[in-house]
Amino acid sequence: MPKETFFRLRDERQEGILRSAIHEFVEHGFERAKIGDIAKNSGVATGSIYQYFADKNELYIYCAKWSLELFMKKLGSRTNLKDMDIFEYFQDGISKVEIISEERELVIFMQSLSKRPDLMDASMAAMYEASNKHIKMLIQNSKDKGLVRTDIDDDLLMEYFIAITECFRMRLVKRDVDFSEVNVDNPELQNEMNQMIELLKKGMEG
């Protein structure tokens, strides 16, 4: 996590630093990314970055968490996310594709996390932390609608949902699918999404 000094910054300043870091990681990769260039492009001193983050690893991991939080925030602003059930969320590809088209660099960055095995576990843990509150909300919505089983703990349902959706993501990664170019109308992709929804329903439906 960033140091308290980072959270004292205005939201706009925080976003500027993180976007600059993400751009640097996407353009040059983690190893060749330079803190000095991140600082310069975000309009702060190099030393300031180290006042906000312990090192480049911590900055990279927090960028992963922030990227997913921003994605979910944007999704919530254009959908009825607060009332959506778990199956509607998985199937709502149009809103996600709209955000992907707006935030291509963030999507490319999140897709590249799997290329850093040494940091992937920490990065994915940070992303799951950011997404868990949304998934639990979707599960509760689904229970309220009578769509999922009430005899299974929410944490177990969440882990099952994450496992299925991560399986779907990894299938696309193995096929070198560029998430920034995903077309939700693609029949093959739509068929796989429908199959994943059926898997979700088999284990979760009430």
Protein backbone atom coordinates (compact mmCIF):
# COMPACT_ATOMS: atom_id res chain seq x y z
CA MET A 1 0.00 0.00 0.00
CA PRO A 2 1.14 3.57 -0.62
CA LYS A 3 2.34 5.69 2.28
CA GLU A 4 -0.06 8.09 3.98
CA THR A 5 1.59 11.00 2.16
CA PHE A 6 0.17 9.67 -1.13
CA PHE A 7 -3.39 9.65 0.17
CA ARG A 8 -3.03 13.25 1.31
CA LEU A 9 -2.70 14.29 -2.34
CA ARG A 10 -5.71 15.50 -4.31
CA ASP A 11 -7.46 12.74 -6.27
CA GLU A 12 -6.38 14.37 -9.53
CA ARG A 13 -2.73 14.34 -8.46
CA GLN A 14 -2.94 10.70 -7.37
CA GLU A 15 -4.48 9.75 -10.70
CA GLY A 16 -1.82 11.65 -12.63
CA ILE A 17 0.98 9.78 -10.88
CA LEU A 18 -0.67 6.39 -11.34
CA ARG A 19 -1.50 6.95 -14.99
CA SER A 20 2.06 8.10 -15.62
CA ALA A 21 3.34 4.93 -13.91
CA ILE A 22 0.99 2.68 -15.89
CA HIS A 23 2.06 4.34 -19.14
CA GLU A 24 5.72 3.79 -18.24
CA PHE A 25 5.11 0.11 -17.34
CA VAL A 26 3.18 -0.48 -20.58
CA GLU A 27 5.71 1.30 -22.77
CA HIS A 28 8.91 -0.09 -21.26
CA GLY A 29 7.98 -3.07 -19.11
CA PHE A 30 8.62 -3.32 -15.39
CA GLU A 31 12.38 -3.79 -15.51
CA ARG A 32 13.10 -0.83 -17.81
CA ALA A 33 10.47 1.49 -16.31
CA LYS A 34 12.14 4.48 -14.65
CA ILE A 35 10.85 6.19 -11.54
CA GLY A 36 12.45 9.41 -12.78
CA ASP A 37 10.40 9.36 -15.97
CA ILE A 38 7.22 8.54 -14.05
CA ALA A 39 7.88 11.53 -11.81
CA LYS A 40 8.71 13.85 -14.71
CA ASN A 41 5.62 12.90 -16.71
CA SER A 42 3.36 13.39 -13.70
CA GLY A 43 4.93 16.73 -12.75
CA VAL A 44 6.48 15.76 -9.42
CA ALA A 45 10.05 15.37 -8.17
CA THR A 46 11.63 11.91 -8.32
CA GLY A 47 12.11 12.00 -4.56
CA SER A 48 8.40 12.58 -4.11
CA ILE A 49 7.58 9.19 -5.64
CA TYR A 50 9.66 7.55 -2.90
CA GLN A 51 7.73 9.60 -0.34
CA TYR A 52 4.56 7.96 -1.67
CA PHE A 53 5.75 4.41 -2.41
CA ALA A 54 8.47 2.26 -0.83
CA ASP A 55 9.75 1.08 -4.21
CA LYS A 56 8.81 0.31 -7.80
CA ASN A 57 7.27 -3.03 -6.81
CA GLU A 58 4.80 -1.35 -4.46
CA LEU A 59 3.90 1.23 -7.11
CA TYR A 60 3.32 -1.51 -9.69
CA ILE A 61 1.10 -3.54 -7.37
CA TYR A 62 -0.95 -0.52 -6.34
CA CYS A 63 -1.41 0.42 -10.00
CA ALA A 64 -3.08 -2.98 -10.48
CA LYS A 65 -5.50 -2.36 -7.60
CA TRP A 66 -6.25 1.20 -8.71
CA SER A 67 -6.88 0.13 -12.32
CA LEU A 68 -9.54 -2.36 -11.29
CA GLU A 69 -11.12 0.09 -8.85
CA LEU A 70 -11.36 2.68 -11.62
CA PHE A 71 -12.86 0.10 -14.00
CA MET A 72 -15.53 -0.83 -11.43
CA LYS A 73 -16.24 2.82 -10.65
CA LYS A 74 -16.78 3.57 -14.33
CA LEU A 75 -18.91 0.45 -14.74
CA GLY A 76 -21.07 1.51 -11.81
CA SER A 77 -21.56 4.97 -13.31
CA ARG A 78 -23.12 3.59 -16.51
CA THR A 79 -24.94 0.46 -15.32
CA ASN A 80 -27.28 -0.52 -12.51
CA LEU A 81 -24.36 -2.27 -10.80
CA LYS A 82 -25.90 -1.74 -7.35
CA ASP A 83 -28.96 -3.75 -8.40
CA MET A 84 -27.27 -6.18 -10.80
CA ASP A 85 -27.12 -9.90 -10.06
CA ILE A 86 -24.01 -12.02 -10.56
CA PHE A 87 -25.17 -13.46 -13.89
CA GLU A 88 -26.16 -10.08 -15.36
CA TYR A 89 -22.76 -8.72 -14.39
CA PHE A 90 -20.90 -11.50 -16.19
CA GLN A 91 -23.08 -11.20 -19.29
CA ASP A 92 -23.06 -7.39 -19.55
CA GLY A 93 -20.33 -7.16 -22.13
CA ILE A 94 -21.37 -3.91 -23.83
CA SER A 95 -20.66 -1.63 -20.88
CA LYS A 96 -17.34 -3.34 -20.24
CA VAL A 97 -16.29 -3.02 -23.89
CA GLU A 98 -17.16 0.70 -23.82
CA ILE A 99 -14.86 1.19 -20.83
CA ILE A 100 -12.15 -0.96 -22.43
CA SER A 101 -12.22 1.29 -25.50
CA GLU A 102 -11.84 4.36 -23.26
CA GLU A 103 -9.14 2.87 -21.03
CA ARG A 104 -7.07 0.79 -23.42
CA GLU A 105 -3.78 1.47 -21.66
CA LEU A 106 -5.17 0.35 -18.29
CA VAL A 107 -6.51 -2.83 -19.86
CA ILE A 108 -3.18 -3.54 -21.57
CA PHE A 109 -1.45 -2.98 -18.23
CA MET A 110 -3.78 -5.38 -16.38
CA GLN A 111 -3.35 -7.94 -19.14
CA SER A 112 0.44 -7.66 -18.81
CA LEU A 113 0.41 -8.60 -15.11
CA SER A 114 0.70 -12.28 -16.01
CA LYS A 115 4.09 -11.54 -17.61
CA ARG A 116 5.55 -10.74 -14.19
CA PRO A 117 5.34 -14.06 -12.29
CA ASP A 118 7.33 -12.66 -9.39
CA LEU A 119 4.79 -9.88 -8.84
CA MET A 120 1.65 -11.53 -10.23
CA ASP A 121 0.46 -13.06 -6.94
CA ALA A 122 0.72 -9.74 -5.10
CA SER A 123 -0.81 -7.84 -8.04
CA MET A 124 -3.72 -10.26 -8.39
CA ALA A 125 -4.27 -10.20 -4.61
CA ALA A 126 -4.50 -6.40 -4.77
CA MET A 127 -6.99 -6.62 -7.64
CA TYR A 128 -9.10 -9.22 -5.81
CA GLU A 129 -9.14 -6.99 -2.75
CA ALA A 130 -10.53 -4.20 -4.93
CA SER A 131 -13.14 -6.43 -6.58
CA ASN A 132 -14.32 -8.49 -3.58
CA LYS A 133 -16.66 -5.83 -2.20
CA HIS A 134 -18.36 -5.58 -5.61
CA ILE A 135 -18.64 -9.35 -5.98
CA LYS A 136 -20.16 -9.69 -2.51
CA MET A 137 -22.69 -7.00 -3.41
CA LEU A 138 -23.60 -8.89 -6.60
CA ILE A 139 -23.97 -12.13 -4.63
CA GLN A 140 -26.26 -10.45 -2.10
CA ASN A 141 -28.33 -8.98 -4.94
CA SER A 142 -28.57 -12.47 -6.43
CA LYS A 143 -29.71 -13.93 -3.11
CA ASP A 144 -32.29 -11.17 -2.71
CA LYS A 145 -33.67 -12.10 -6.14
CA GLY A 146 -33.72 -15.79 -5.23
CA LEU A 147 -31.21 -16.63 -7.98
CA VAL A 148 -28.44 -18.26 -5.95
CA ARG A 149 -28.29 -20.71 -3.08
CA THR A 150 -28.64 -19.27 0.40
CA ASP A 151 -27.21 -22.34 2.13
CA ILE A 152 -23.65 -21.55 0.97
CA ASP A 153 -21.46 -18.95 2.64
CA ASP A 154 -20.93 -15.75 0.66
CA ASP A 155 -17.15 -16.16 0.76
CA LEU A 156 -17.40 -19.62 -0.81
CA LEU A 157 -19.75 -18.33 -3.51
CA MET A 158 -17.34 -15.50 -4.19
CA GLU A 159 -14.38 -17.87 -4.49
CA TYR A 160 -16.36 -20.06 -6.88
CA PHE A 161 -17.27 -17.03 -9.02
CA ILE A 162 -13.65 -15.84 -9.07
CA ALA A 163 -12.41 -19.32 -10.03
CA ILE A 164 -14.82 -19.58 -12.97
CA THR A 165 -14.18 -16.06 -14.25
CA GLU A 166 -10.41 -16.44 -13.83
CA CYS A 167 -10.61 -19.68 -15.82
CA PHE A 168 -12.39 -17.75 -18.58
CA ARG A 169 -9.74 -15.01 -18.52
CA MET A 170 -6.86 -17.46 -18.65
CA ARG A 171 -8.42 -19.27 -21.62
CA LEU A 172 -8.34 -15.98 -23.50
CA VAL A 173 -4.79 -15.22 -22.33
CA LYS A 174 -3.57 -18.61 -23.59
CA ARG A 175 -5.06 -17.78 -27.00
CA ASP A 176 -3.25 -14.42 -26.93
CA VAL A 177 -6.54 -12.54 -27.04
CA ASP A 178 -5.90 -8.80 -26.80
CA PHE A 179 -8.40 -7.63 -24.17
CA SER A 180 -8.14 -4.08 -25.47
CA GLU A 181 -9.52 -5.35 -28.80
CA VAL A 182 -12.28 -7.63 -27.47
CA ASN A 183 -15.46 -7.58 -29.55
CA VAL A 184 -18.45 -8.56 -27.43
CA ASP A 185 -20.42 -9.46 -30.59
CA ASN A 186 -17.88 -12.12 -31.56
CA PRO A 187 -19.98 -15.36 -31.82
CA GLU A 188 -17.16 -17.57 -30.50
CA LEU A 189 -16.57 -15.30 -27.50
CA GLN A 190 -20.31 -15.01 -26.85
CA ASN A 191 -20.67 -18.79 -26.93
CA GLU A 192 -17.85 -19.22 -24.40
CA MET A 193 -19.40 -16.55 -22.15
CA ASN A 194 -22.73 -18.38 -22.26
CA GLN A 195 -21.01 -21.65 -21.34
CA MET A 196 -19.28 -19.94 -18.40
CA ILE A 197 -22.62 -18.56 -17.22
CA GLU A 198 -24.04 -22.09 -17.31
CA LEU A 199 -21.11 -23.28 -15.18
CA LEU A 200 -21.79 -20.48 -12.71
CA LYS A 201 -25.47 -21.36 -12.55
CA LYS A 202 -24.80 -25.07 -11.99
CA GLY A 203 -22.87 -24.30 -8.84
CA MET A 204 -24.70 -21.20 -7.57
CA GLU A 205 -28.35 -21.33 -8.61
CA GLY A 206 -30.93 -21.54 -5.86
